Amino acid sequence: MALYKTGQERFAKWRAKYDPATISARFTQVASIAADRAQEGLTLFASVDDLVRPILDKYGVTGTARALYLGFAKKLLKHVGRVKGDAAIAMANGIKAFYVNGMKADPAICDEIIQVVVGWAITY
């Protein structure tokens, strides 16, 4: 028979595991590595924003709709950056399908974003 933890049991474990002294010591130990990785990652995501904004301007995307496409670009970068080749193409197709079908994103805009983010066009 499977034993399932209740929310109270999970919280008790979290409270015991994440005491401030332990967290402070762990963060202090890895602070320089974390700072370097954060700088690299934040710069990469800011660069993607800079590449996508002109595409949105070209298509006249304004207001909150811009967030949809910037979110698409960031999700694409996050997931496709972890895989290569056919797996990357499959991942990009899946993310695009989710945004086009689920969020009513324009497939032409998504294709242009794919081109600048990952360097190739995915046929839809």
Protein backbone atom coordinates (compact mmCIF):
# COMPACT_ATOMS: atom_id res chain seq x y z
CA MET A 1 0.00 0.00 0.00
CA ALA A 2 1.37 3.39 -0.97
CA LEU A 3 1.89 5.97 1.73
CA TYR A 4 1.03 9.49 0.68
CA LYS A 5 2.31 12.50 2.55
CA THR A 6 -0.22 15.03 3.68
CA GLY A 7 0.27 18.73 3.16
CA GLN A 8 1.06 19.09 6.87
CA GLU A 9 3.76 16.40 6.68
CA ARG A 10 5.30 18.04 3.61
CA PHE A 11 5.33 21.42 5.35
CA ALA A 12 6.95 19.92 8.45
CA LYS A 13 9.74 18.45 6.31
CA TRP A 14 10.17 21.76 4.46
CA ARG A 15 10.37 23.66 7.73
CA ALA A 16 12.98 21.26 9.13
CA LYS A 17 15.02 21.20 5.93
CA TYR A 18 15.07 24.92 5.15
CA ASP A 19 16.29 26.51 8.31
CA PRO A 20 17.86 29.97 7.79
CA ALA A 21 21.33 29.03 9.01
CA THR A 22 21.62 26.11 6.60
CA ILE A 23 20.31 28.14 3.67
CA SER A 24 22.66 31.02 4.47
CA ALA A 25 25.66 28.69 4.60
CA ARG A 26 24.71 27.01 1.30
CA PHE A 27 24.14 30.32 -0.49
CA THR A 28 27.42 31.71 0.84
CA GLN A 29 29.30 28.66 -0.45
CA VAL A 30 27.97 28.98 -4.00
CA ALA A 31 27.45 32.74 -4.26
CA SER A 32 30.23 33.42 -6.78
CA ILE A 33 29.17 30.53 -9.04
CA ALA A 34 25.52 31.57 -8.81
CA ALA A 35 26.35 35.19 -9.63
CA ASP A 36 28.32 34.18 -12.74
CA ARG A 37 25.53 31.89 -13.93
CA ALA A 38 22.89 34.54 -13.24
CA GLN A 39 24.80 37.15 -15.21
CA GLU A 40 25.19 34.79 -18.16
CA GLY A 41 21.55 33.68 -18.09
CA LEU A 42 20.04 37.12 -17.60
CA THR A 43 22.16 38.52 -20.42
CA LEU A 44 21.04 35.70 -22.72
CA PHE A 45 17.36 36.29 -21.98
CA ALA A 46 17.73 40.07 -22.38
CA SER A 47 19.40 39.48 -25.76
CA VAL A 48 16.45 37.36 -26.87
CA ASP A 49 14.08 40.17 -25.89
CA ASP A 50 16.17 42.57 -27.98
CA LEU A 51 15.96 40.21 -30.98
CA VAL A 52 12.19 39.64 -30.67
CA ARG A 53 11.03 43.24 -30.15
CA PRO A 54 11.71 44.31 -33.78
CA ILE A 55 9.63 41.35 -35.01
CA LEU A 56 6.74 42.45 -32.82
CA ASP A 57 7.12 46.03 -34.06
CA LYS A 58 7.08 44.80 -37.67
CA TYR A 59 3.78 42.98 -37.11
CA GLY A 60 2.25 45.80 -35.07
CA VAL A 61 1.94 43.73 -31.89
CA THR A 62 1.12 46.06 -29.00
CA GLY A 63 0.09 45.98 -25.37
CA THR A 64 -0.30 42.73 -23.53
CA ALA A 65 -0.01 40.72 -26.75
CA ARG A 66 3.71 41.51 -26.70
CA ALA A 67 4.04 39.54 -23.47
CA LEU A 68 2.60 36.48 -25.21
CA TYR A 69 5.32 36.48 -27.86
CA LEU A 70 8.12 37.43 -25.48
CA GLY A 71 6.97 34.55 -23.29
CA PHE A 72 7.04 32.25 -26.31
CA ALA A 73 10.61 33.30 -27.10
CA LYS A 74 11.74 32.76 -23.51
CA LYS A 75 10.08 29.35 -23.26
CA LEU A 76 11.63 28.39 -26.58
CA LEU A 77 15.08 29.46 -25.40
CA LYS A 78 14.67 27.64 -22.10
CA HIS A 79 13.62 24.31 -23.61
CA VAL A 80 15.33 24.21 -26.98
CA GLY A 81 18.60 25.35 -25.43
CA ARG A 82 18.75 22.04 -23.55
CA VAL A 83 18.50 19.73 -26.56
CA LYS A 84 19.96 19.52 -30.07
CA GLY A 85 19.02 18.25 -33.54
CA ASP A 86 15.71 16.47 -34.06
CA ALA A 87 14.85 16.73 -30.38
CA ALA A 88 15.18 20.53 -30.58
CA ILE A 89 12.96 20.66 -33.65
CA ALA A 90 10.33 18.49 -31.95
CA MET A 91 10.47 20.66 -28.84
CA ALA A 92 10.11 23.88 -30.87
CA ASN A 93 7.16 22.42 -32.80
CA GLY A 94 5.45 21.44 -29.56
CA ILE A 95 5.92 24.83 -27.95
CA LYS A 96 4.73 26.58 -31.10
CA ALA A 97 1.65 24.35 -31.31
CA PHE A 98 0.81 25.14 -27.69
CA TYR A 99 1.06 28.88 -28.28
CA VAL A 100 -0.77 28.83 -31.63
CA ASN A 101 -3.58 26.49 -30.61
CA GLY A 102 -3.88 27.26 -26.91
CA MET A 103 -3.11 30.97 -26.84
CA LYS A 104 -4.10 31.98 -30.38
CA ALA A 105 -0.62 33.23 -31.30
CA ASP A 106 0.02 34.05 -34.96
CA PRO A 107 2.05 31.18 -36.51
CA ALA A 108 3.93 33.57 -38.82
CA ILE A 109 5.17 35.62 -35.87
CA CYS A 110 6.11 32.43 -34.02
CA ASP A 111 8.10 31.23 -37.05
CA GLU A 112 10.10 34.46 -37.15
CA ILE A 113 10.76 34.22 -33.44
CA ILE A 114 11.92 30.63 -33.87
CA GLN A 115 14.31 31.77 -36.60
CA VAL A 116 15.99 34.36 -34.40
CA VAL A 117 15.97 32.32 -31.21
CA VAL A 118 17.15 28.97 -32.49
CA GLY A 119 18.30 29.76 -35.99
CA TRP A 120 15.93 27.73 -38.10
CA ALA A 121 12.35 27.91 -39.32
CA ILE A 122 9.89 25.24 -38.34
CA THR A 123 7.18 24.55 -40.89
CA TYR A 124 3.69 24.70 -39.49
